[in-house]
Amino acid sequence: MATPKSGGITAYSVKTKTKNVPMVDPVIDVKSGRYIATGTDGQGNKMAAIMSKATAEGHISSGAAKKGSGW
């Protein structure tokens, strides 16, 4: 789950089965009205996290993530 207070976006890694793994270079896209952050972990495994609009805008304004397509 994306956590705005930690400064970066964290997500669950399906491949390594670990929680709160920080994303490297996340990009937030809007698809079907949902805000989805996609990125990789430190080992190069792909990750994704779904978040609210307020959380997504908070990450973008703080510089923790970049805007993707759909905005």
PDB file of N, CA and C in Angstrom:
ATOM      1  N   MET A   1       0.843  -1.178   0.000  1.00  0.00           N
ATOM      2  CA  MET A   1       0.000   0.000   0.000  1.00  0.00           C
ATOM      3  C   MET A   1       0.889   1.242   0.000  1.00  0.00           C
ATOM      4  N   ALA A   2       0.439   2.231  -0.654  1.00  0.00           N
ATOM      5  CA  ALA A   2       1.216   3.466  -0.747  1.00  0.00           C
ATOM      6  C   ALA A   2       1.078   4.251   0.553  1.00  0.00           C
ATOM      7  N   THR A   3       2.195   4.702   1.079  1.00  0.00           N
ATOM      8  CA  THR A   3       2.172   5.449   2.334  1.00  0.00           C
ATOM      9  C   THR A   3       2.762   6.833   2.117  1.00  0.00           C
ATOM     10  N   PRO A   4       1.948   7.906   2.204  1.00  0.00           N
ATOM     11  CA  PRO A   4       2.456   9.243   1.922  1.00  0.00           C
ATOM     12  C   PRO A   4       3.364   9.797   3.004  1.00  0.00           C
ATOM     13  N   LYS A   5       3.223   9.358   4.266  1.00  0.00           N
ATOM     14  CA  LYS A   5       4.006   9.959   5.329  1.00  0.00           C
ATOM     15  C   LYS A   5       5.449   9.483   5.368  1.00  0.00           C
ATOM     16  N   SER A   6       5.771   8.380   4.711  1.00  0.00           N
ATOM     17  CA  SER A   6       7.144   7.878   4.741  1.00  0.00           C
ATOM     18  C   SER A   6       8.032   8.588   3.736  1.00  0.00           C
ATOM     19  N   GLY A   7       7.452   9.355   2.826  1.00  0.00           N
ATOM     20  CA  GLY A   7       8.237  10.092   1.851  1.00  0.00           C
ATOM     21  C   GLY A   7       8.299   9.396   0.511  1.00  0.00           C
ATOM     22  N   GLY A   8       8.391   8.094   0.489  1.00  0.00           N
ATOM     23  CA  GLY A   8       8.442   7.344  -0.760  1.00  0.00           C
ATOM     24  C   GLY A   8       7.259   6.405  -0.867  1.00  0.00           C
ATOM     25  N   ILE A   9       7.097   5.821  -2.016  1.00  0.00           N
ATOM     26  CA  ILE A   9       6.002   4.890  -2.238  1.00  0.00           C
ATOM     27  C   ILE A   9       6.503   3.485  -1.941  1.00  0.00           C
ATOM     28  N   THR A  10       5.743   2.757  -1.137  1.00  0.00           N
ATOM     29  CA  THR A  10       6.070   1.371  -0.846  1.00  0.00           C
ATOM     30  C   THR A  10       4.949   0.484  -1.348  1.00  0.00           C
ATOM     31  N   ALA A  11       5.272  -0.767  -1.649  1.00  0.00           N
ATOM     32  CA  ALA A  11       4.280  -1.698  -2.162  1.00  0.00           C
ATOM     33  C   ALA A  11       4.656  -3.115  -1.764  1.00  0.00           C
ATOM     34  N   TYR A  12       3.759  -4.046  -2.019  1.00  0.00           N
ATOM     35  CA  TYR A  12       3.997  -5.458  -1.774  1.00  0.00           C
ATOM     36  C   TYR A  12       4.690  -6.062  -2.984  1.00  0.00           C
ATOM     37  N   SER A  13       5.766  -6.773  -2.750  1.00  0.00           N
ATOM     38  CA  SER A  13       6.479  -7.438  -3.840  1.00  0.00           C
ATOM     39  C   SER A  13       5.972  -8.871  -3.954  1.00  0.00           C
ATOM     40  N   VAL A  14       5.313  -9.188  -5.055  1.00  0.00           N
ATOM     41  CA  VAL A  14       4.745 -10.511  -5.253  1.00  0.00           C
ATOM     42  C   VAL A  14       5.856 -11.555  -5.428  1.00  0.00           C
ATOM     43  N   LYS A  15       6.912 -11.176  -6.103  1.00  0.00           N
ATOM     44  CA  LYS A  15       7.989 -12.120  -6.382  1.00  0.00           C
ATOM     45  C   LYS A  15       8.735 -12.528  -5.112  1.00  0.00           C
ATOM     46  N   THR A  16       9.072 -11.559  -4.265  1.00  0.00           N
ATOM     47  CA  THR A  16       9.816 -11.874  -3.049  1.00  0.00           C
ATOM     48  C   THR A  16       8.912 -12.068  -1.835  1.00  0.00           C
ATOM     49  N   LYS A  17       7.597 -11.812  -1.996  1.00  0.00           N
ATOM     50  CA  LYS A  17       6.598 -11.961  -0.943  1.00  0.00           C
ATOM     51  C   LYS A  17       6.944 -11.158   0.316  1.00  0.00           C
ATOM     52  N   THR A  18       7.347  -9.901   0.114  1.00  0.00           N
ATOM     53  CA  THR A  18       7.652  -9.012   1.226  1.00  0.00           C
ATOM     54  C   THR A  18       6.799  -7.755   1.137  1.00  0.00           C
ATOM     55  N   LYS A  19       6.437  -7.209   2.302  1.00  0.00           N
ATOM     56  CA  LYS A  19       5.603  -6.013   2.369  1.00  0.00           C
ATOM     57  C   LYS A  19       6.463  -4.770   2.536  1.00  0.00           C
ATOM     58  N   ASN A  20       5.886  -3.625   2.164  1.00  0.00           N
ATOM     59  CA  ASN A  20       6.492  -2.296   2.346  1.00  0.00           C
ATOM     60  C   ASN A  20       7.881  -2.176   1.722  1.00  0.00           C
ATOM     61  N   VAL A  21       7.999  -2.669   0.491  1.00  0.00           N
ATOM     62  CA  VAL A  21       9.248  -2.555  -0.256  1.00  0.00           C
ATOM     63  C   VAL A  21       9.238  -1.201  -0.968  1.00  0.00           C
ATOM     64  N   PRO A  22      10.259  -0.369  -0.805  1.00  0.00           N
ATOM     65  CA  PRO A  22      10.266   0.946  -1.460  1.00  0.00           C
ATOM     66  C   PRO A  22      10.438   0.827  -2.977  1.00  0.00           C
ATOM     67  N   MET A  23       9.696   1.666  -3.702  1.00  0.00           N
ATOM     68  CA  MET A  23       9.779   1.695  -5.163  1.00  0.00           C
ATOM     69  C   MET A  23      10.912   2.598  -5.602  1.00  0.00           C
ATOM     70  N   VAL A  24      11.569   2.194  -6.681  1.00  0.00           N
ATOM     71  CA  VAL A  24      12.628   2.987  -7.295  1.00  0.00           C
ATOM     72  C   VAL A  24      12.045   3.649  -8.535  1.00  0.00           C
ATOM     73  N   ASP A  25      12.146   4.971  -8.645  1.00  0.00           N
ATOM     74  CA  ASP A  25      11.633   5.763  -9.770  1.00  0.00           C
ATOM     75  C   ASP A  25      10.169   5.449 -10.097  1.00  0.00           C
ATOM     76  N   PRO A  26       9.230   5.656  -9.157  1.00  0.00           N
ATOM     77  CA  PRO A  26       7.823   5.376  -9.449  1.00  0.00           C
ATOM     78  C   PRO A  26       7.200   6.394 -10.400  1.00  0.00           C
ATOM     79  N   VAL A  27       6.275   5.916 -11.209  1.00  0.00           N
ATOM     80  CA  VAL A  27       5.501   6.749 -12.126  1.00  0.00           C
ATOM     81  C   VAL A  27       4.031   6.486 -11.826  1.00  0.00           C
ATOM     82  N   ILE A  28       3.246   7.552 -11.606  1.00  0.00           N
ATOM     83  CA  ILE A  28       1.832   7.406 -11.278  1.00  0.00           C
ATOM     84  C   ILE A  28       1.007   7.679 -12.531  1.00  0.00           C
ATOM     85  N   ASP A  29       0.227   6.663 -12.937  1.00  0.00           N
ATOM     86  CA  ASP A  29      -0.653   6.753 -14.092  1.00  0.00           C
ATOM     87  C   ASP A  29      -2.104   6.739 -13.621  1.00  0.00           C
ATOM     88  N   VAL A  30      -2.992   7.276 -14.450  1.00  0.00           N
ATOM     89  CA  VAL A  30      -4.416   7.222 -14.185  1.00  0.00           C
ATOM     90  C   VAL A  30      -5.031   6.313 -15.238  1.00  0.00           C
ATOM     91  N   LYS A  31      -5.593   5.201 -14.785  1.00  0.00           N
ATOM     92  CA  LYS A  31      -6.232   4.250 -15.687  1.00  0.00           C
ATOM     93  C   LYS A  31      -7.610   3.928 -15.139  1.00  0.00           C
ATOM     94  N   SER A  32      -8.635   4.196 -15.905  1.00  0.00           N
ATOM     95  CA  SER A  32     -10.016   3.936 -15.521  1.00  0.00           C
ATOM     96  C   SER A  32     -10.393   4.598 -14.196  1.00  0.00           C
ATOM     97  N   GLY A  33      -9.862   5.793 -13.951  1.00  0.00           N
ATOM     98  CA  GLY A  33     -10.183   6.520 -12.744  1.00  0.00           C
ATOM     99  C   GLY A  33      -9.394   6.098 -11.520  1.00  0.00           C
ATOM    100  N   ARG A  34      -8.485   5.147 -11.673  1.00  0.00           N
ATOM    101  CA  ARG A  34      -7.657   4.686 -10.557  1.00  0.00           C
ATOM    102  C   ARG A  34      -6.243   5.225 -10.704  1.00  0.00           C
ATOM    103  N   TYR A  35      -5.634   5.537  -9.602  1.00  0.00           N
ATOM    104  CA  TYR A  35      -4.265   6.057  -9.598  1.00  0.00           C
ATOM    105  C   TYR A  35      -3.329   4.903  -9.250  1.00  0.00           C
ATOM    106  N   ILE A  36      -2.474   4.545 -10.196  1.00  0.00           N
ATOM    107  CA  ILE A  36      -1.614   3.379 -10.047  1.00  0.00           C
ATOM    108  C   ILE A  36      -0.156   3.807 -10.166  1.00  0.00           C
ATOM    109  N   ALA A  37       0.608   3.518  -9.129  1.00  0.00           N
ATOM    110  CA  ALA A  37       2.044   3.788  -9.143  1.00  0.00           C
ATOM    111  C   ALA A  37       2.760   2.516  -9.593  1.00  0.00           C
ATOM    112  N   THR A  38       3.579   2.642 -10.626  1.00  0.00           N
ATOM    113  CA  THR A  38       4.363   1.508 -11.099  1.00  0.00           C
ATOM    114  C   THR A  38       5.843   1.851 -10.992  1.00  0.00           C
ATOM    115  N   GLY A  39       6.621   0.858 -10.672  1.00  0.00           N
ATOM    116  CA  GLY A  39       8.058   1.049 -10.530  1.00  0.00           C
ATOM    117  C   GLY A  39       8.735  -0.287 -10.303  1.00  0.00           C
ATOM    118  N   THR A  40       9.955  -0.246  -9.838  1.00  0.00           N
ATOM    119  CA  THR A  40      10.700  -1.463  -9.548  1.00  0.00           C
ATOM    120  C   THR A  40      11.253  -1.391  -8.136  1.00  0.00           C
ATOM    121  N   ASP A  41      11.610  -2.560  -7.608  1.00  0.00           N
ATOM    122  CA  ASP A  41      12.292  -2.563  -6.318  1.00  0.00           C
ATOM    123  C   ASP A  41      13.797  -2.502  -6.568  1.00  0.00           C
ATOM    124  N   GLY A  42      14.586  -2.631  -5.558  1.00  0.00           N
ATOM    125  CA  GLY A  42      16.032  -2.512  -5.690  1.00  0.00           C
ATOM    126  C   GLY A  42      16.666  -3.598  -6.546  1.00  0.00           C
ATOM    127  N   GLN A  43      15.958  -4.729  -6.715  1.00  0.00           N
ATOM    128  CA  GLN A  43      16.487  -5.849  -7.485  1.00  0.00           C
ATOM    129  C   GLN A  43      15.994  -5.872  -8.924  1.00  0.00           C
ATOM    130  N   GLY A  44      15.157  -4.894  -9.300  1.00  0.00           N
ATOM    131  CA  GLY A  44      14.659  -4.816 -10.666  1.00  0.00           C
ATOM    132  C   GLY A  44      13.331  -5.507 -10.896  1.00  0.00           C
ATOM    133  N   ASN A  45      12.687  -6.002  -9.847  1.00  0.00           N
ATOM    134  CA  ASN A  45      11.382  -6.644  -9.982  1.00  0.00           C
ATOM    135  C   ASN A  45      10.301  -5.575 -10.116  1.00  0.00           C
ATOM    136  N   LYS A  46       9.358  -5.776 -11.039  1.00  0.00           N
ATOM    137  CA  LYS A  46       8.287  -4.810 -11.248  1.00  0.00           C
ATOM    138  C   LYS A  46       7.303  -4.854 -10.090  1.00  0.00           C
ATOM    139  N   MET A  47       6.798  -3.648  -9.727  1.00  0.00           N
ATOM    140  CA  MET A  47       5.834  -3.515  -8.642  1.00  0.00           C
ATOM    141  C   MET A  47       4.769  -2.502  -9.036  1.00  0.00           C
ATOM    142  N   ALA A  48       3.609  -2.579  -8.359  1.00  0.00           N
ATOM    143  CA  ALA A  48       2.536  -1.619  -8.585  1.00  0.00           C
ATOM    144  C   ALA A  48       1.782  -1.399  -7.279  1.00  0.00           C
ATOM    145  N   ALA A  49       1.241  -0.194  -7.108  1.00  0.00           N
ATOM    146  CA  ALA A  49       0.437   0.135  -5.931  1.00  0.00           C
ATOM    147  C   ALA A  49      -0.716   1.025  -6.374  1.00  0.00           C
ATOM    148  N   ILE A  50      -1.914   0.716  -5.892  1.00  0.00           N
ATOM    149  CA  ILE A  50      -3.093   1.518  -6.188  1.00  0.00           C
ATOM    150  C   ILE A  50      -3.314   2.467  -5.016  1.00  0.00           C
ATOM    151  N   MET A  51      -3.626   3.734  -5.318  1.00  0.00           N
ATOM    152  CA  MET A  51      -3.786   4.731  -4.270  1.00  0.00           C
ATOM    153  C   MET A  51      -4.898   5.705  -4.618  1.00  0.00           C
ATOM    154  N   SER A  52      -5.250   6.549  -3.654  1.00  0.00           N
ATOM    155  CA  SER A  52      -6.283   7.555  -3.876  1.00  0.00           C
ATOM    156  C   SER A  52      -5.701   8.747  -4.629  1.00  0.00           C
ATOM    157  N   LYS A  53      -6.584   9.622  -5.088  1.00  0.00           N
ATOM    158  CA  LYS A  53      -6.152  10.809  -5.817  1.00  0.00           C
ATOM    159  C   LYS A  53      -5.335  11.734  -4.915  1.00  0.00           C
ATOM    160  N   ALA A  54      -5.766  11.907  -3.675  1.00  0.00           N
ATOM    161  CA  ALA A  54      -5.057  12.788  -2.748  1.00  0.00           C
ATOM    162  C   ALA A  54      -3.654  12.263  -2.452  1.00  0.00           C
ATOM    163  N   THR A  55      -3.528  10.960  -2.271  1.00  0.00           N
ATOM    164  CA  THR A  55      -2.221  10.363  -2.014  1.00  0.00           C
ATOM    165  C   THR A  55      -1.314  10.506  -3.225  1.00  0.00           C
ATOM    166  N   ALA A  56      -1.869  10.268  -4.411  1.00  0.00           N
ATOM    167  CA  ALA A  56      -1.084  10.389  -5.641  1.00  0.00           C
ATOM    168  C   ALA A  56      -0.588  11.816  -5.836  1.00  0.00           C
ATOM    169  N   GLU A  57      -1.472  12.794  -5.646  1.00  0.00           N
ATOM    170  CA  GLU A  57      -1.069  14.188  -5.801  1.00  0.00           C
ATOM    171  C   GLU A  57      -0.044  14.590  -4.750  1.00  0.00           C
ATOM    172  N   GLY A  58      -0.140  14.032  -3.545  1.00  0.00           N
ATOM    173  CA  GLY A  58       0.838  14.323  -2.501  1.00  0.00           C
ATOM    174  C   GLY A  58       2.220  13.806  -2.857  1.00  0.00           C
ATOM    175  N   HIS A  59       2.291  12.606  -3.431  1.00  0.00           N
ATOM    176  CA  HIS A  59       3.573  12.042  -3.845  1.00  0.00           C
ATOM    177  C   HIS A  59       4.188  12.837  -4.994  1.00  0.00           C
ATOM    178  N   ILE A  60       3.351  13.284  -5.915  1.00  0.00           N
ATOM    179  CA  ILE A  60       3.858  14.052  -7.062  1.00  0.00           C
ATOM    180  C   ILE A  60       4.353  15.426  -6.606  1.00  0.00           C
ATOM    181  N   SER A  61       3.584  16.077  -5.733  1.00  0.00           N
ATOM    182  CA  SER A  61       3.992  17.411  -5.282  1.00  0.00           C
ATOM    183  C   SER A  61       5.248  17.364  -4.412  1.00  0.00           C
ATOM    184  N   SER A  62       5.455  16.263  -3.691  1.00  0.00           N
ATOM    185  CA  SER A  62       6.661  16.152  -2.859  1.00  0.00           C
ATOM    186  C   SER A  62       7.879  15.724  -3.662  1.00  0.00           C
ATOM    187  N   GLY A  63       7.664  15.290  -4.897  1.00  0.00           N
ATOM    188  CA  GLY A  63       8.776  14.879  -5.738  1.00  0.00           C
ATOM    189  C   GLY A  63       9.129  13.411  -5.611  1.00  0.00           C
ATOM    190  N   ALA A  64       8.321  12.642  -4.890  1.00  0.00           N
ATOM    191  CA  ALA A  64       8.603  11.219  -4.709  1.00  0.00           C
ATOM    192  C   ALA A  64       8.255  10.404  -5.948  1.00  0.00           C
ATOM    193  N   ALA A  65       7.400  10.959  -6.835  1.00  0.00           N
ATOM    194  CA  ALA A  65       6.967  10.232  -8.028  1.00  0.00           C
ATOM    195  C   ALA A  65       6.795  11.218  -9.188  1.00  0.00           C
ATOM    196  N   LYS A  66       6.720  10.664 -10.389  1.00  0.00           N
ATOM    197  CA  LYS A  66       6.498  11.462 -11.597  1.00  0.00           C
ATOM    198  C   LYS A  66       5.100  11.194 -12.135  1.00  0.00           C
ATOM    199  N   LYS A  67       4.567  12.164 -12.873  1.00  0.00           N
ATOM    200  CA  LYS A  67       3.280  11.978 -13.542  1.00  0.00           C
ATOM    201  C   LYS A  67       3.463  11.105 -14.767  1.00  0.00           C
ATOM    202  N   GLY A  68       2.518  10.212 -14.961  1.00  0.00           N
ATOM    203  CA  GLY A  68       2.536   9.373 -16.148  1.00  0.00           C
ATOM    204  C   GLY A  68       1.435   9.785 -17.093  1.00  0.00           C
ATOM    205  N   SER A  69       0.914   8.845 -17.842  1.00  0.00           N
ATOM    206  CA  SER A  69      -0.141   9.131 -18.812  1.00  0.00           C
ATOM    207  C   SER A  69      -1.496   9.185 -18.111  1.00  0.00           C
ATOM    208  N   GLY A  70      -2.445   9.805 -18.756  1.00  0.00           N
ATOM    209  CA  GLY A  70      -3.807   9.841 -18.237  1.00  0.00           C
ATOM    210  C   GLY A  70      -4.145  11.043 -17.395  1.00  0.00           C
ATOM    211  N   TRP A  71      -3.219  11.934 -17.135  1.00  0.00           N
ATOM    212  CA  TRP A  71      -3.505  13.117 -16.329  1.00  0.00           C
ATOM    213  C   TRP A  71      -4.112  14.110 -17.233  1.00  0.00           C
TER     214      TRP A  71
END
